[in-house]
């Protein structure tokens, strides 16, 4: 499976973006999919995850602002990001939320939150 992320861009603080992650193969075999991000000079971190059945969990830094969802029929995972803050600026990636079973990383999509 390979992933292609899209939907990033430049947005003002308080704005919203919706990211998409399209899988080249069947995503159904991956029980728990995640969105990760990596800011400049920072380690990559998992910010949201969703199970095959739709159970979600979030990092404290994004809880209440981000919503992850998954469409198994379309092999796509989404990340709705609201009330964006400058500290959300990062490259966003999707991958297996089980960090012991990661597949090759995609190119990611850049999100920049700035006035």
C-alpha atoms as a PDB file:
ATOM      1  CA  UNK A   1       0.000   0.000   0.000  1.00  0.00           C
ATOM      2  CA  UNK A   2       1.181   3.513  -0.816  1.00  0.00           C
ATOM      3  CA  UNK A   3      -0.339   6.773   0.381  1.00  0.00           C
ATOM      4  CA  UNK A   4      -0.832  10.133  -1.334  1.00  0.00           C
ATOM      5  CA  UNK A   5      -1.684  13.064   0.896  1.00  0.00           C
ATOM      6  CA  UNK A   6      -3.354  16.251  -0.320  1.00  0.00           C
ATOM      7  CA  UNK A   7      -5.326  19.263   0.851  1.00  0.00           C
ATOM      8  CA  UNK A   8      -2.681  21.282   2.630  1.00  0.00           C
ATOM      9  CA  UNK A   9      -2.046  24.966   2.137  1.00  0.00           C
ATOM     10  CA  UNK A  10      -1.640  28.352   3.759  1.00  0.00           C
ATOM     11  CA  UNK A  11      -4.380  29.360   6.178  1.00  0.00           C
ATOM     12  CA  UNK A  12      -4.809  32.089   8.752  1.00  0.00           C
ATOM     13  CA  UNK A  13      -5.027  31.289  12.457  1.00  0.00           C
ATOM     14  CA  UNK A  14      -8.538  30.153  13.279  1.00  0.00           C
ATOM     15  CA  UNK A  15      -9.084  28.807   9.788  1.00  0.00           C
ATOM     16  CA  UNK A  16      -9.858  25.290   8.571  1.00  0.00           C
ATOM     17  CA  UNK A  17      -8.452  22.746   6.162  1.00  0.00           C
ATOM     18  CA  UNK A  18      -9.462  19.242   5.151  1.00  0.00           C
ATOM     19  CA  UNK A  19      -6.680  16.807   4.339  1.00  0.00           C
ATOM     20  CA  UNK A  20      -7.147  13.638   2.303  1.00  0.00           C
ATOM     21  CA  UNK A  21      -5.042  10.504   2.163  1.00  0.00           C
ATOM     22  CA  UNK A  22      -5.623   8.166  -0.751  1.00  0.00           C
ATOM     23  CA  UNK A  23      -4.267   4.626  -0.603  1.00  0.00           C
ATOM     24  CA  UNK A  24      -3.076   2.946  -3.792  1.00  0.00           C
ATOM     25  CA  UNK A  25      -4.175  -0.460  -2.584  1.00  0.00           C
ATOM     26  CA  UNK A  26      -6.701  -1.769  -0.152  1.00  0.00           C
ATOM     27  CA  UNK A  27      -6.541   0.036   3.143  1.00  0.00           C
ATOM     28  CA  UNK A  28      -8.951  -2.416   4.735  1.00  0.00           C
ATOM     29  CA  UNK A  29      -6.116  -4.627   5.957  1.00  0.00           C
ATOM     30  CA  UNK A  30      -4.764  -1.798   8.115  1.00  0.00           C
ATOM     31  CA  UNK A  31      -6.740  -1.927  11.326  1.00  0.00           C
ATOM     32  CA  UNK A  32      -5.835   1.525  12.580  1.00  0.00           C
ATOM     33  CA  UNK A  33      -4.871   4.391  10.278  1.00  0.00           C
ATOM     34  CA  UNK A  34      -3.223   7.536  11.500  1.00  0.00           C
ATOM     35  CA  UNK A  35      -2.346  11.089  10.585  1.00  0.00           C
ATOM     36  CA  UNK A  36       1.122  12.165  11.599  1.00  0.00           C
ATOM     37  CA  UNK A  37       2.823  15.531  11.379  1.00  0.00           C
ATOM     38  CA  UNK A  38       6.375  16.805  11.455  1.00  0.00           C
ATOM     39  CA  UNK A  39       7.146  20.421  12.158  1.00  0.00           C
ATOM     40  CA  UNK A  40      10.476  22.029  11.287  1.00  0.00           C
ATOM     41  CA  UNK A  41      13.163  20.680  13.572  1.00  0.00           C
ATOM     42  CA  UNK A  42      10.718  18.398  15.360  1.00  0.00           C
ATOM     43  CA  UNK A  43      10.111  14.676  15.465  1.00  0.00           C
ATOM     44  CA  UNK A  44       7.203  13.194  13.596  1.00  0.00           C
ATOM     45  CA  UNK A  45       4.214  12.704  15.887  1.00  0.00           C
ATOM     46  CA  UNK A  46       0.930  10.857  15.619  1.00  0.00           C
ATOM     47  CA  UNK A  47      -1.922  13.334  16.014  1.00  0.00           C
ATOM     48  CA  UNK A  48      -5.028  11.291  15.177  1.00  0.00           C
ATOM     49  CA  UNK A  49      -5.995   7.678  14.538  1.00  0.00           C
ATOM     50  CA  UNK A  50      -9.087   5.806  13.422  1.00  0.00           C
ATOM     51  CA  UNK A  51      -9.818   2.091  13.510  1.00  0.00           C
ATOM     52  CA  UNK A  52     -11.442   0.113  10.741  1.00  0.00           C
ATOM     53  CA  UNK A  53     -14.693   0.384  12.660  1.00  0.00           C
ATOM     54  CA  UNK A  54     -14.450   4.136  13.163  1.00  0.00           C
ATOM     55  CA  UNK A  55     -13.145   4.455  16.725  1.00  0.00           C
ATOM     56  CA  UNK A  56     -10.967   7.544  16.975  1.00  0.00           C
ATOM     57  CA  UNK A  57      -8.373   9.006  19.294  1.00  0.00           C
ATOM     58  CA  UNK A  58      -6.361  12.199  19.252  1.00  0.00           C
ATOM     59  CA  UNK A  59      -3.273  13.805  20.665  1.00  0.00           C
ATOM     60  CA  UNK A  60      -4.096  16.296  23.399  1.00  0.00           C
ATOM     61  CA  UNK A  61      -2.747  19.126  21.253  1.00  0.00           C
ATOM     62  CA  UNK A  62      -5.478  18.660  18.628  1.00  0.00           C
ATOM     63  CA  UNK A  63      -8.351  17.201  20.627  1.00  0.00           C
ATOM     64  CA  UNK A  64     -11.561  19.096  20.022  1.00  0.00           C
ATOM     65  CA  UNK A  65     -10.201  20.785  16.885  1.00  0.00           C
ATOM     66  CA  UNK A  66      -9.324  17.926  14.514  1.00  0.00           C
ATOM     67  CA  UNK A  67     -11.576  15.133  13.300  1.00  0.00           C
ATOM     68  CA  UNK A  68     -10.275  12.007  11.580  1.00  0.00           C
ATOM     69  CA  UNK A  69     -12.505   9.828   9.447  1.00  0.00           C
ATOM     70  CA  UNK A  70     -12.092   6.894   7.145  1.00  0.00           C
ATOM     71  CA  UNK A  71     -13.886   5.631   4.043  1.00  0.00           C
ATOM     72  CA  UNK A  72     -12.828   2.028   3.530  1.00  0.00           C
ATOM     73  CA  UNK A  73     -14.743   1.727   0.262  1.00  0.00           C
ATOM     74  CA  UNK A  74     -12.769   4.644  -1.186  1.00  0.00           C
ATOM     75  CA  UNK A  75      -9.490   3.671   0.503  1.00  0.00           C
ATOM     76  CA  UNK A  76      -9.269   7.206   1.850  1.00  0.00           C
ATOM     77  CA  UNK A  77      -8.660   8.788   5.234  1.00  0.00           C
ATOM     78  CA  UNK A  78      -9.540  12.392   6.017  1.00  0.00           C
ATOM     79  CA  UNK A  79      -8.454  14.914   8.589  1.00  0.00           C
ATOM     80  CA  UNK A  80     -10.723  17.879   9.186  1.00  0.00           C
ATOM     81  CA  UNK A  81      -8.748  20.585  10.947  1.00  0.00           C
ATOM     82  CA  UNK A  82     -10.557  23.515  12.538  1.00  0.00           C
ATOM     83  CA  UNK A  83      -9.423  26.415  14.718  1.00  0.00           C
ATOM     84  CA  UNK A  84      -5.933  26.080  13.331  1.00  0.00           C
ATOM     85  CA  UNK A  85      -3.018  27.538  15.255  1.00  0.00           C
ATOM     86  CA  UNK A  86       0.483  28.528  14.140  1.00  0.00           C
ATOM     87  CA  UNK A  87       1.844  25.556  16.067  1.00  0.00           C
ATOM     88  CA  UNK A  88      -0.116  23.255  13.748  1.00  0.00           C
ATOM     89  CA  UNK A  89       2.266  24.232  10.967  1.00  0.00           C
ATOM     90  CA  UNK A  90       3.903  21.026   9.738  1.00  0.00           C
ATOM     91  CA  UNK A  91       4.039  18.480   6.959  1.00  0.00           C
ATOM     92  CA  UNK A  92       1.176  16.039   7.455  1.00  0.00           C
ATOM     93  CA  UNK A  93       1.413  12.354   6.538  1.00  0.00           C
ATOM     94  CA  UNK A  94      -0.832   9.336   6.826  1.00  0.00           C
ATOM     95  CA  UNK A  95       0.300   5.822   7.643  1.00  0.00           C
ATOM     96  CA  UNK A  96      -0.450   2.836   9.807  1.00  0.00           C
ATOM     97  CA  UNK A  97      -1.092   4.127  13.332  1.00  0.00           C
ATOM     98  CA  UNK A  98       0.737   1.063  14.617  1.00  0.00           C
ATOM     99  CA  UNK A  99       4.252   2.463  14.496  1.00  0.00           C
ATOM    100  CA  UNK A 100       5.682  -1.048  14.453  1.00  0.00           C
ATOM    101  CA  UNK A 101       4.000  -1.718  11.113  1.00  0.00           C
ATOM    102  CA  UNK A 102       4.656   1.459   9.136  1.00  0.00           C
ATOM    103  CA  UNK A 103       4.779   1.340   5.357  1.00  0.00           C
ATOM    104  CA  UNK A 104       6.817   3.692   3.161  1.00  0.00           C
ATOM    105  CA  UNK A 105       6.007   7.336   3.828  1.00  0.00           C
ATOM    106  CA  UNK A 106       4.332   9.409   1.144  1.00  0.00           C
ATOM    107  CA  UNK A 107       5.330  12.950   0.209  1.00  0.00           C
ATOM    108  CA  UNK A 108       3.052  14.488   2.784  1.00  0.00           C
ATOM    109  CA  UNK A 109       1.139  17.730   2.466  1.00  0.00           C
ATOM    110  CA  UNK A 110       2.350  21.039   3.879  1.00  0.00           C
ATOM    111  CA  UNK A 111       0.084  22.947   6.251  1.00  0.00           C
ATOM    112  CA  UNK A 112       1.132  26.479   7.126  1.00  0.00           C
ATOM    113  CA  UNK A 113      -0.848  28.520   9.634  1.00  0.00           C
ATOM    114  CA  UNK A 114       0.166  32.148   9.516  1.00  0.00           C
ATOM    115  CA  UNK A 115      -1.299  35.606   9.315  1.00  0.00           C
END
